[in-house]
Amino acid sequence: MRDTVDLNCDMGEDFGPWELSEAPAEALMEIITSANVATGFHAGDPNKMDRVVSLAKSHGVGLGAHPAYRDLQGFGRRYMDMATDELVNDIVYQVGAIREFGRRHGVSLQHVKPHGALYMEAARNEELSVHMVETLLKTGGDTILFCMGMSKTFAVAKRLGLPVVREFYADRGYADDGSIVFTRKVGRMDPDQIAQKCLRACKEGTVETDTGNTVEIEFESICFHSDTPGAVELGATIRKTLTENGIRIAPAATVLERAG
C-alpha cells in the first residue's frame, strides 16, 4: 500500500484574455501539493506564470515547469518533427522562465513535467529522454522529472541519476501496456468513481485498462488536469477519499524523501 502520495495538476493554461479552464487556480491550490505551470509554448503567458507561481508560494505547493512543443494553436497536443537539440533548447527556455518567476517569489523549482505530445514523445524516444535528462542534470541536478513509470524517460532518469517521479493519471484511461491513452478532449467524470480508481491504485497497485484488463501500476504522484470539466470537485474528492483512508498527501520532494 502506498501511504504517501503527491497530488499534482497541470494549470496556468490560459492565455491573455482567453480562459481554457473553469477551475480557479486559487481553488486548485487548496487541493494539490505540486503544480505544473504552463510555460508559454502551449498555453500561459508571463502574467499568468507570475500569478500561478505566487499562488504556489503562498500555498506551500511544489513548483513545476510544464514545457511543451511550440504549439499554441494545437495546445501542445500535436507531435512536431523537430531536431532533438532544438527541442531540448525549447525545454531549457521554458523551464528557465518558471525558475526565474520562482526566484522572484522566493520559491525554488521542484520539478519539470513535459506537456501533452512532448510528454508522450519523450516516453517512447530514448534519444530525446537522454538529452533532456542530461541537460536537466546540468541546469539543476536536484530538479525532479515527472513521467510515466513504463516510459523510456523513467528508465533513463534512473540510469543517469536524476530524481524522478512516476505519475498515475486520475482523469485519463490506461492501455494494457500501462501507458495512458492520449486524448485531446475529456468529458465530465464521476468524482467518486475517479477517487475510487485512485484509492485502488494506492492500496493495490493496479488499474483497470480501457479494454477491461487489470495491470500493475507504480507511482509517487497522482495527476489530474485543470481543463477537465469539474476539476475542482474531482481533485477535492480524490484528496478527501485518500486522506480518509489513511493516505497522506505531500509534495513530490517529500514523497521521494520518504521513499528513501
C-alpha atoms as a PDB file:
ATOM      1  CA  MET A   1       0.000   0.000   0.000  1.00  0.00           C
ATOM      2  CA  ARG A   2       1.252   3.481  -0.827  1.00  0.00           C
ATOM      3  CA  ASP A   3       0.798   5.536   2.341  1.00  0.00           C
ATOM      4  CA  THR A   4       2.070   8.881   0.968  1.00  0.00           C
ATOM      5  CA  VAL A   5       1.391  10.349  -2.446  1.00  0.00           C
ATOM      6  CA  ASP A   6       1.776  13.652  -4.259  1.00  0.00           C
ATOM      7  CA  LEU A   7      -1.268  15.217  -5.942  1.00  0.00           C
ATOM      8  CA  ASN A   8      -0.343  17.302  -8.984  1.00  0.00           C
ATOM      9  CA  CYS A   9      -2.278  19.354 -11.521  1.00  0.00           C
ATOM     10  CA  ASP A  10      -1.491  20.874 -14.928  1.00  0.00           C
ATOM     11  CA  MET A  11      -2.503  24.524 -14.627  1.00  0.00           C
ATOM     12  CA  GLY A  12      -1.942  28.133 -15.658  1.00  0.00           C
ATOM     13  CA  GLU A  13      -3.092  27.114 -19.129  1.00  0.00           C
ATOM     14  CA  ASP A  14      -4.895  30.315 -20.031  1.00  0.00           C
ATOM     15  CA  PHE A  15      -3.512  32.892 -22.434  1.00  0.00           C
ATOM     16  CA  GLY A  16      -4.131  36.638 -22.311  1.00  0.00           C
ATOM     17  CA  PRO A  17      -7.912  37.186 -22.049  1.00  0.00           C
ATOM     18  CA  TRP A  18      -8.700  33.577 -23.056  1.00  0.00           C
ATOM     19  CA  GLU A  19      -9.514  31.126 -20.273  1.00  0.00           C
ATOM     20  CA  LEU A  20      -9.382  27.427 -21.041  1.00  0.00           C
ATOM     21  CA  SER A  21     -10.230  26.090 -17.599  1.00  0.00           C
ATOM     22  CA  GLU A  22     -13.317  26.594 -15.454  1.00  0.00           C
ATOM     23  CA  ALA A  23     -11.197  25.792 -12.372  1.00  0.00           C
ATOM     24  CA  PRO A  24      -9.825  28.830 -10.493  1.00  0.00           C
ATOM     25  CA  ALA A  25      -6.138  28.476  -9.670  1.00  0.00           C
ATOM     26  CA  GLU A  26      -6.829  29.587  -6.083  1.00  0.00           C
ATOM     27  CA  ALA A  27      -9.254  26.681  -5.571  1.00  0.00           C
ATOM     28  CA  LEU A  28      -6.868  24.157  -7.084  1.00  0.00           C
ATOM     29  CA  MET A  29      -4.020  25.310  -4.839  1.00  0.00           C
ATOM     30  CA  GLU A  30      -6.115  24.376  -1.799  1.00  0.00           C
ATOM     31  CA  ILE A  31      -6.203  20.782  -3.059  1.00  0.00           C
ATOM     32  CA  ILE A  32      -2.876  19.940  -4.698  1.00  0.00           C
ATOM     33  CA  THR A  33       0.688  19.563  -3.457  1.00  0.00           C
ATOM     34  CA  SER A  34       2.505  20.090  -6.788  1.00  0.00           C
ATOM     35  CA  ALA A  35       1.649  22.497  -9.633  1.00  0.00           C
ATOM     36  CA  ASN A  36       2.711  22.033 -13.254  1.00  0.00           C
ATOM     37  CA  VAL A  37       2.721  25.579 -14.614  1.00  0.00           C
ATOM     38  CA  ALA A  38       2.318  26.192 -18.359  1.00  0.00           C
ATOM     39  CA  THR A  39       5.377  27.931 -19.749  1.00  0.00           C
ATOM     40  CA  GLY A  40       4.022  29.848 -22.721  1.00  0.00           C
ATOM     41  CA  PHE A  41       4.532  27.487 -25.655  1.00  0.00           C
ATOM     42  CA  HIS A  42       1.218  25.591 -25.491  1.00  0.00           C
ATOM     43  CA  ALA A  43      -0.554  27.976 -23.098  1.00  0.00           C
ATOM     44  CA  GLY A  44       0.215  30.561 -20.444  1.00  0.00           C
ATOM     45  CA  ASP A  45       1.977  33.885 -20.650  1.00  0.00           C
ATOM     46  CA  PRO A  46       4.299  35.872 -18.335  1.00  0.00           C
ATOM     47  CA  ASN A  47       1.423  37.388 -16.365  1.00  0.00           C
ATOM     48  CA  LYS A  48      -0.265  34.007 -15.875  1.00  0.00           C
ATOM     49  CA  MET A  49       3.050  32.442 -14.855  1.00  0.00           C
ATOM     50  CA  ASP A  50       3.744  35.147 -12.312  1.00  0.00           C
ATOM     51  CA  ARG A  51       0.300  34.800 -10.751  1.00  0.00           C
ATOM     52  CA  VAL A  52       0.319  30.997 -10.518  1.00  0.00           C
ATOM     53  CA  VAL A  53       3.876  30.892  -9.156  1.00  0.00           C
ATOM     54  CA  SER A  54       2.889  33.430  -6.500  1.00  0.00           C
ATOM     55  CA  LEU A  55      -0.096  31.275  -5.537  1.00  0.00           C
ATOM     56  CA  ALA A  56       2.091  28.172  -5.321  1.00  0.00           C
ATOM     57  CA  LYS A  57       4.420  30.003  -2.975  1.00  0.00           C
ATOM     58  CA  SER A  58       1.625  31.228  -0.701  1.00  0.00           C
ATOM     59  CA  HIS A  59       0.031  27.769  -0.502  1.00  0.00           C
ATOM     60  CA  GLY A  60       3.252  25.807   0.002  1.00  0.00           C
ATOM     61  CA  VAL A  61       2.720  23.901  -3.237  1.00  0.00           C
ATOM     62  CA  GLY A  62       5.703  22.389  -5.072  1.00  0.00           C
ATOM     63  CA  LEU A  63       6.517  24.453  -8.160  1.00  0.00           C
ATOM     64  CA  GLY A  64       6.891  22.725 -11.505  1.00  0.00           C
ATOM     65  CA  ALA A  65       7.562  23.788 -15.089  1.00  0.00           C
ATOM     66  CA  HIS A  66       5.293  22.300 -17.758  1.00  0.00           C
ATOM     67  CA  PRO A  67       7.160  22.763 -21.083  1.00  0.00           C
ATOM     68  CA  ALA A  68       5.633  21.795 -24.418  1.00  0.00           C
ATOM     69  CA  TYR A  69       6.016  21.841 -28.154  1.00  0.00           C
ATOM     70  CA  ARG A  70       5.773  25.358 -29.583  1.00  0.00           C
ATOM     71  CA  ASP A  71       2.105  24.869 -30.467  1.00  0.00           C
ATOM     72  CA  LEU A  72      -0.353  27.442 -29.107  1.00  0.00           C
ATOM     73  CA  GLN A  73      -2.967  26.671 -31.728  1.00  0.00           C
ATOM     74  CA  GLY A  74      -2.917  22.936 -31.001  1.00  0.00           C
ATOM     75  CA  PHE A  75      -2.424  23.317 -27.234  1.00  0.00           C
ATOM     76  CA  GLY A  76       0.751  21.260 -27.437  1.00  0.00           C
ATOM     77  CA  ARG A  77      -1.190  18.113 -28.247  1.00  0.00           C
ATOM     78  CA  ARG A  78       0.216  17.638 -31.751  1.00  0.00           C
ATOM     79  CA  TYR A  79       3.507  15.871 -32.474  1.00  0.00           C
ATOM     80  CA  MET A  80       6.078  18.117 -34.146  1.00  0.00           C
ATOM     81  CA  ASP A  81       9.043  16.759 -36.090  1.00  0.00           C
ATOM     82  CA  MET A  82      11.991  18.653 -34.584  1.00  0.00           C
ATOM     83  CA  ALA A  83      15.710  18.041 -34.169  1.00  0.00           C
ATOM     84  CA  THR A  84      16.458  16.781 -30.657  1.00  0.00           C
ATOM     85  CA  ASP A  85      18.873  19.618 -29.874  1.00  0.00           C
ATOM     86  CA  GLU A  86      16.319  22.217 -30.959  1.00  0.00           C
ATOM     87  CA  LEU A  87      13.577  20.618 -28.899  1.00  0.00           C
ATOM     88  CA  VAL A  88      15.692  20.368 -25.749  1.00  0.00           C
ATOM     89  CA  ASN A  89      16.682  24.023 -26.150  1.00  0.00           C
ATOM     90  CA  ASP A  90      12.980  24.874 -26.194  1.00  0.00           C
ATOM     91  CA  ILE A  91      12.586  22.910 -22.946  1.00  0.00           C
ATOM     92  CA  VAL A  92      15.508  24.757 -21.331  1.00  0.00           C
ATOM     93  CA  TYR A  93      13.999  28.096 -22.358  1.00  0.00           C
ATOM     94  CA  GLN A  94      10.615  27.269 -20.847  1.00  0.00           C
ATOM     95  CA  VAL A  95      11.978  25.750 -17.642  1.00  0.00           C
ATOM     96  CA  GLY A  96      14.137  28.827 -17.186  1.00  0.00           C
ATOM     97  CA  ALA A  97      11.076  31.069 -17.327  1.00  0.00           C
ATOM     98  CA  ILE A  98       9.365  29.295 -14.422  1.00  0.00           C
ATOM     99  CA  ARG A  99      12.618  29.075 -12.474  1.00  0.00           C
ATOM    100  CA  GLU A 100      13.067  32.857 -12.718  1.00  0.00           C
ATOM    101  CA  PHE A 101       9.494  33.597 -11.653  1.00  0.00           C
ATOM    102  CA  GLY A 102      10.103  31.236  -8.762  1.00  0.00           C
ATOM    103  CA  ARG A 103      13.197  33.171  -7.752  1.00  0.00           C
ATOM    104  CA  ARG A 104      11.194  36.374  -7.942  1.00  0.00           C
ATOM    105  CA  HIS A 105       8.739  34.971  -5.391  1.00  0.00           C
ATOM    106  CA  GLY A 106      11.297  33.128  -3.266  1.00  0.00           C
ATOM    107  CA  VAL A 107      10.346  29.576  -4.236  1.00  0.00           C
ATOM    108  CA  SER A 108      12.643  27.004  -5.826  1.00  0.00           C
ATOM    109  CA  LEU A 109      11.753  24.858  -8.816  1.00  0.00           C
ATOM    110  CA  GLN A 110      10.721  21.435  -7.528  1.00  0.00           C
ATOM    111  CA  HIS A 111      10.122  19.613 -10.808  1.00  0.00           C
ATOM    112  CA  VAL A 112       9.779  19.543 -14.576  1.00  0.00           C
ATOM    113  CA  LYS A 113       6.935  17.762 -16.343  1.00  0.00           C
ATOM    114  CA  PRO A 114       6.707  17.814 -20.154  1.00  0.00           C
ATOM    115  CA  HIS A 115       3.243  18.516 -21.528  1.00  0.00           C
ATOM    116  CA  GLY A 116       0.980  16.610 -23.890  1.00  0.00           C
ATOM    117  CA  ALA A 117       2.530  15.340 -27.093  1.00  0.00           C
ATOM    118  CA  LEU A 118       6.030  16.175 -25.846  1.00  0.00           C
ATOM    119  CA  TYR A 119       5.466  14.020 -22.739  1.00  0.00           C
ATOM    120  CA  MET A 120       4.303  11.127 -24.904  1.00  0.00           C
ATOM    121  CA  GLU A 121       7.167  11.525 -27.397  1.00  0.00           C
ATOM    122  CA  ALA A 122       9.787  11.532 -24.626  1.00  0.00           C
ATOM    123  CA  ALA A 123       8.168   8.412 -23.185  1.00  0.00           C
ATOM    124  CA  ARG A 124       8.992   6.407 -26.318  1.00  0.00           C
ATOM    125  CA  ASN A 125      12.070   8.288 -27.598  1.00  0.00           C
ATOM    126  CA  GLU A 126      15.237   7.288 -25.755  1.00  0.00           C
ATOM    127  CA  GLU A 127      17.435   9.796 -27.592  1.00  0.00           C
ATOM    128  CA  LEU A 128      15.192  12.685 -26.549  1.00  0.00           C
ATOM    129  CA  SER A 129      14.944  11.388 -22.987  1.00  0.00           C
ATOM    130  CA  VAL A 130      18.733  11.055 -22.680  1.00  0.00           C
ATOM    131  CA  HIS A 131      19.383  14.563 -23.999  1.00  0.00           C
ATOM    132  CA  MET A 132      16.648  16.054 -21.801  1.00  0.00           C
ATOM    133  CA  VAL A 133      17.836  14.264 -18.643  1.00  0.00           C
ATOM    134  CA  GLU A 134      21.488  15.126 -19.255  1.00  0.00           C
ATOM    135  CA  THR A 135      20.529  18.766 -19.732  1.00  0.00           C
ATOM    136  CA  LEU A 136      18.405  18.865 -16.577  1.00  0.00           C
ATOM    137  CA  LEU A 137      21.307  17.383 -14.622  1.00  0.00           C
ATOM    138  CA  LYS A 138      23.476  20.280 -15.802  1.00  0.00           C
ATOM    139  CA  THR A 139      20.922  23.050 -15.207  1.00  0.00           C
ATOM    140  CA  GLY A 140      19.552  21.785 -11.884  1.00  0.00           C
ATOM    141  CA  GLY A 141      20.552  18.288 -10.821  1.00  0.00           C
ATOM    142  CA  ASP A 142      18.160  18.163  -7.875  1.00  0.00           C
ATOM    143  CA  THR A 143      15.129  19.073 -10.002  1.00  0.00           C
ATOM    144  CA  ILE A 144      12.655  16.174 -10.168  1.00  0.00           C
ATOM    145  CA  LEU A 145      11.404  14.904 -13.530  1.00  0.00           C
ATOM    146  CA  PHE A 146       7.782  13.694 -13.778  1.00  0.00           C
ATOM    147  CA  CYS A 147       6.961  10.870 -16.224  1.00  0.00           C
ATOM    148  CA  MET A 148       5.160   7.538 -16.682  1.00  0.00           C
ATOM    149  CA  GLY A 149       6.656   4.510 -14.973  1.00  0.00           C
ATOM    150  CA  MET A 150       6.727   2.440 -18.176  1.00  0.00           C
ATOM    151  CA  SER A 151       8.442   5.192 -20.177  1.00  0.00           C
ATOM    152  CA  LYS A 152      11.924   5.474 -21.649  1.00  0.00           C
ATOM    153  CA  THR A 153      12.115   8.731 -19.695  1.00  0.00           C
ATOM    154  CA  PHE A 154      11.850   6.925 -16.354  1.00  0.00           C
ATOM    155  CA  ALA A 155      14.455   4.321 -17.278  1.00  0.00           C
ATOM    156  CA  VAL A 156      16.899   6.980 -18.496  1.00  0.00           C
ATOM    157  CA  ALA A 157      16.430   9.202 -15.429  1.00  0.00           C
ATOM    158  CA  LYS A 158      17.039   6.264 -13.073  1.00  0.00           C
ATOM    159  CA  ARG A 159      20.119   5.210 -15.030  1.00  0.00           C
ATOM    160  CA  LEU A 160      21.651   8.695 -15.128  1.00  0.00           C
ATOM    161  CA  GLY A 161      20.779   9.635 -11.549  1.00  0.00           C
ATOM    162  CA  LEU A 162      18.168  12.386 -11.982  1.00  0.00           C
ATOM    163  CA  PRO A 163      15.429  12.409  -9.306  1.00  0.00           C
ATOM    164  CA  VAL A 164      12.277  11.080 -10.943  1.00  0.00           C
ATOM    165  CA  VAL A 165       8.615  10.696 -10.001  1.00  0.00           C
ATOM    166  CA  ARG A 166       6.192   8.352 -11.728  1.00  0.00           C
ATOM    167  CA  GLU A 167       2.643   9.550 -12.268  1.00  0.00           C
ATOM    168  CA  PHE A 168      -0.755   7.925 -12.010  1.00  0.00           C
ATOM    169  CA  TYR A 169      -3.385   9.642 -14.143  1.00  0.00           C
ATOM    170  CA  ALA A 170      -6.737  10.043 -12.426  1.00  0.00           C
ATOM    171  CA  ASP A 171      -8.611  11.537 -15.390  1.00  0.00           C
ATOM    172  CA  ARG A 172      -7.096   9.524 -18.229  1.00  0.00           C
ATOM    173  CA  GLY A 173      -7.635   5.975 -19.414  1.00  0.00           C
ATOM    174  CA  TYR A 174      -4.951   3.275 -19.445  1.00  0.00           C
ATOM    175  CA  ALA A 175      -3.769   0.920 -22.160  1.00  0.00           C
ATOM    176  CA  ASP A 176      -2.765  -2.681 -21.468  1.00  0.00           C
ATOM    177  CA  ASP A 177       0.951  -1.783 -21.516  1.00  0.00           C
ATOM    178  CA  GLY A 178       0.477   0.603 -18.573  1.00  0.00           C
ATOM    179  CA  SER A 179       0.670   3.781 -20.657  1.00  0.00           C
ATOM    180  CA  ILE A 180      -2.009   6.447 -20.606  1.00  0.00           C
ATOM    181  CA  VAL A 181      -4.420   6.737 -23.508  1.00  0.00           C
ATOM    182  CA  PHE A 182      -3.607  10.111 -25.055  1.00  0.00           C
ATOM    183  CA  THR A 183      -6.701  12.186 -25.800  1.00  0.00           C
ATOM    184  CA  ARG A 184      -7.383  15.739 -26.941  1.00  0.00           C
ATOM    185  CA  LYS A 185     -10.749  16.192 -25.264  1.00  0.00           C
ATOM    186  CA  VAL A 186     -12.077  14.819 -21.975  1.00  0.00           C
ATOM    187  CA  GLY A 187     -15.682  14.950 -20.772  1.00  0.00           C
ATOM    188  CA  ARG A 188     -17.067  15.352 -17.262  1.00  0.00           C
ATOM    189  CA  MET A 189     -16.331  12.423 -14.955  1.00  0.00           C
ATOM    190  CA  ASP A 190     -17.862  10.991 -11.790  1.00  0.00           C
ATOM    191  CA  PRO A 191     -15.619  12.294  -8.952  1.00  0.00           C
ATOM    192  CA  ASP A 192     -16.406   9.370  -6.646  1.00  0.00           C
ATOM    193  CA  GLN A 193     -15.606   6.838  -9.347  1.00  0.00           C
ATOM    194  CA  ILE A 194     -12.303   8.536 -10.140  1.00  0.00           C
ATOM    195  CA  ALA A 195     -11.431   8.783  -6.439  1.00  0.00           C
ATOM    196  CA  GLN A 196     -12.034   5.051  -6.040  1.00  0.00           C
ATOM    197  CA  LYS A 197      -9.786   4.425  -9.049  1.00  0.00           C
ATOM    198  CA  CYS A 198      -7.020   6.364  -7.276  1.00  0.00           C
ATOM    199  CA  LEU A 199      -7.639   4.602  -3.962  1.00  0.00           C
ATOM    200  CA  ARG A 200      -7.394   1.203  -5.634  1.00  0.00           C
ATOM    201  CA  ALA A 201      -4.133   2.229  -7.284  1.00  0.00           C
ATOM    202  CA  CYS A 202      -2.713   3.295  -3.899  1.00  0.00           C
ATOM    203  CA  LYS A 203      -3.912   0.227  -1.992  1.00  0.00           C
ATOM    204  CA  GLU A 204      -3.475  -2.492  -4.617  1.00  0.00           C
ATOM    205  CA  GLY A 205      -1.058  -1.026  -7.175  1.00  0.00           C
ATOM    206  CA  THR A 206      -3.408  -1.830 -10.043  1.00  0.00           C
ATOM    207  CA  VAL A 207      -5.638  -0.047 -12.550  1.00  0.00           C
ATOM    208  CA  GLU A 208      -8.328  -1.261 -14.921  1.00  0.00           C
ATOM    209  CA  THR A 209      -7.488  -0.571 -18.557  1.00  0.00           C
ATOM    210  CA  ASP A 210      -9.819   0.678 -21.263  1.00  0.00           C
ATOM    211  CA  THR A 211     -10.118  -2.902 -22.514  1.00  0.00           C
ATOM    212  CA  GLY A 212     -11.268  -4.183 -19.125  1.00  0.00           C
ATOM    213  CA  ASN A 213      -7.984  -5.821 -18.133  1.00  0.00           C
ATOM    214  CA  THR A 214      -6.080  -5.156 -14.913  1.00  0.00           C
ATOM    215  CA  VAL A 215      -2.428  -4.046 -14.968  1.00  0.00           C
ATOM    216  CA  GLU A 216       0.037  -3.223 -12.236  1.00  0.00           C
ATOM    217  CA  ILE A 217       0.997   0.428 -11.803  1.00  0.00           C
ATOM    218  CA  GLU A 218       3.742   2.049  -9.723  1.00  0.00           C
ATOM    219  CA  PHE A 219       3.763   5.761  -8.958  1.00  0.00           C
ATOM    220  CA  GLU A 220       4.582   8.502  -6.474  1.00  0.00           C
ATOM    221  CA  SER A 221       2.189  11.185  -7.736  1.00  0.00           C
ATOM    222  CA  ILE A 222      -1.428  11.352  -8.900  1.00  0.00           C
ATOM    223  CA  CYS A 223      -2.233  13.798 -11.709  1.00  0.00           C
ATOM    224  CA  PHE A 224      -5.440  15.461 -12.770  1.00  0.00           C
ATOM    225  CA  HIS A 225      -5.917  18.336 -15.217  1.00  0.00           C
ATOM    226  CA  SER A 226      -7.351  21.798 -14.619  1.00  0.00           C
ATOM    227  CA  ASP A 227      -9.090  21.706 -18.016  1.00  0.00           C
ATOM    228  CA  THR A 228     -11.036  18.539 -17.168  1.00  0.00           C
ATOM    229  CA  PRO A 229     -14.637  19.634 -16.587  1.00  0.00           C
ATOM    230  CA  GLY A 230     -15.353  19.731 -12.850  1.00  0.00           C
ATOM    231  CA  ALA A 231     -11.637  19.668 -11.994  1.00  0.00           C
ATOM    232  CA  VAL A 232     -12.009  21.281  -8.562  1.00  0.00           C
ATOM    233  CA  GLU A 233     -14.616  18.773  -7.386  1.00  0.00           C
ATOM    234  CA  LEU A 234     -12.612  15.965  -8.933  1.00  0.00           C
ATOM    235  CA  GLY A 235      -9.398  16.927  -7.149  1.00  0.00           C
ATOM    236  CA  ALA A 236     -11.131  17.609  -3.841  1.00  0.00           C
ATOM    237  CA  THR A 237     -12.882  14.231  -3.907  1.00  0.00           C
ATOM    238  CA  ILE A 238      -9.629  12.413  -4.679  1.00  0.00           C
ATOM    239  CA  ARG A 239      -7.870  14.138  -1.793  1.00  0.00           C
ATOM    240  CA  LYS A 240     -10.723  13.556   0.662  1.00  0.00           C
ATOM    241  CA  THR A 241     -11.062   9.884  -0.251  1.00  0.00           C
ATOM    242  CA  LEU A 242      -7.349   9.190   0.053  1.00  0.00           C
ATOM    243  CA  THR A 243      -6.878  11.000   3.359  1.00  0.00           C
ATOM    244  CA  GLU A 244      -9.951   9.307   4.847  1.00  0.00           C
ATOM    245  CA  ASN A 245      -8.278   6.004   4.017  1.00  0.00           C
ATOM    246  CA  GLY A 246      -5.004   6.860   5.729  1.00  0.00           C
ATOM    247  CA  ILE A 247      -3.045   8.046   2.709  1.00  0.00           C
ATOM    248  CA  ARG A 248      -1.051  11.225   3.286  1.00  0.00           C
ATOM    249  CA  ILE A 249      -0.915  13.882   0.554  1.00  0.00           C
ATOM    250  CA  ALA A 250       2.506  15.592   0.304  1.00  0.00           C
ATOM    251  CA  PRO A 251       4.675  17.370  -2.284  1.00  0.00           C
ATOM    252  CA  ALA A 252       6.697  15.190  -4.641  1.00  0.00           C
ATOM    253  CA  ALA A 253      10.002  16.070  -2.976  1.00  0.00           C
ATOM    254  CA  THR A 254       8.639  14.845   0.363  1.00  0.00           C
ATOM    255  CA  VAL A 255       7.321  11.631  -1.174  1.00  0.00           C
ATOM    256  CA  LEU A 256      10.781  10.866  -2.601  1.00  0.00           C
ATOM    257  CA  GLU A 257      12.432  11.598   0.733  1.00  0.00           C
ATOM    258  CA  ARG A 258      10.097   9.183   2.498  1.00  0.00           C
ATOM    259  CA  ALA A 259      10.779   6.539  -0.129  1.00  0.00           C
ATOM    260  CA  GLY A 260      14.457   6.806   0.701  1.00  0.00           C
END
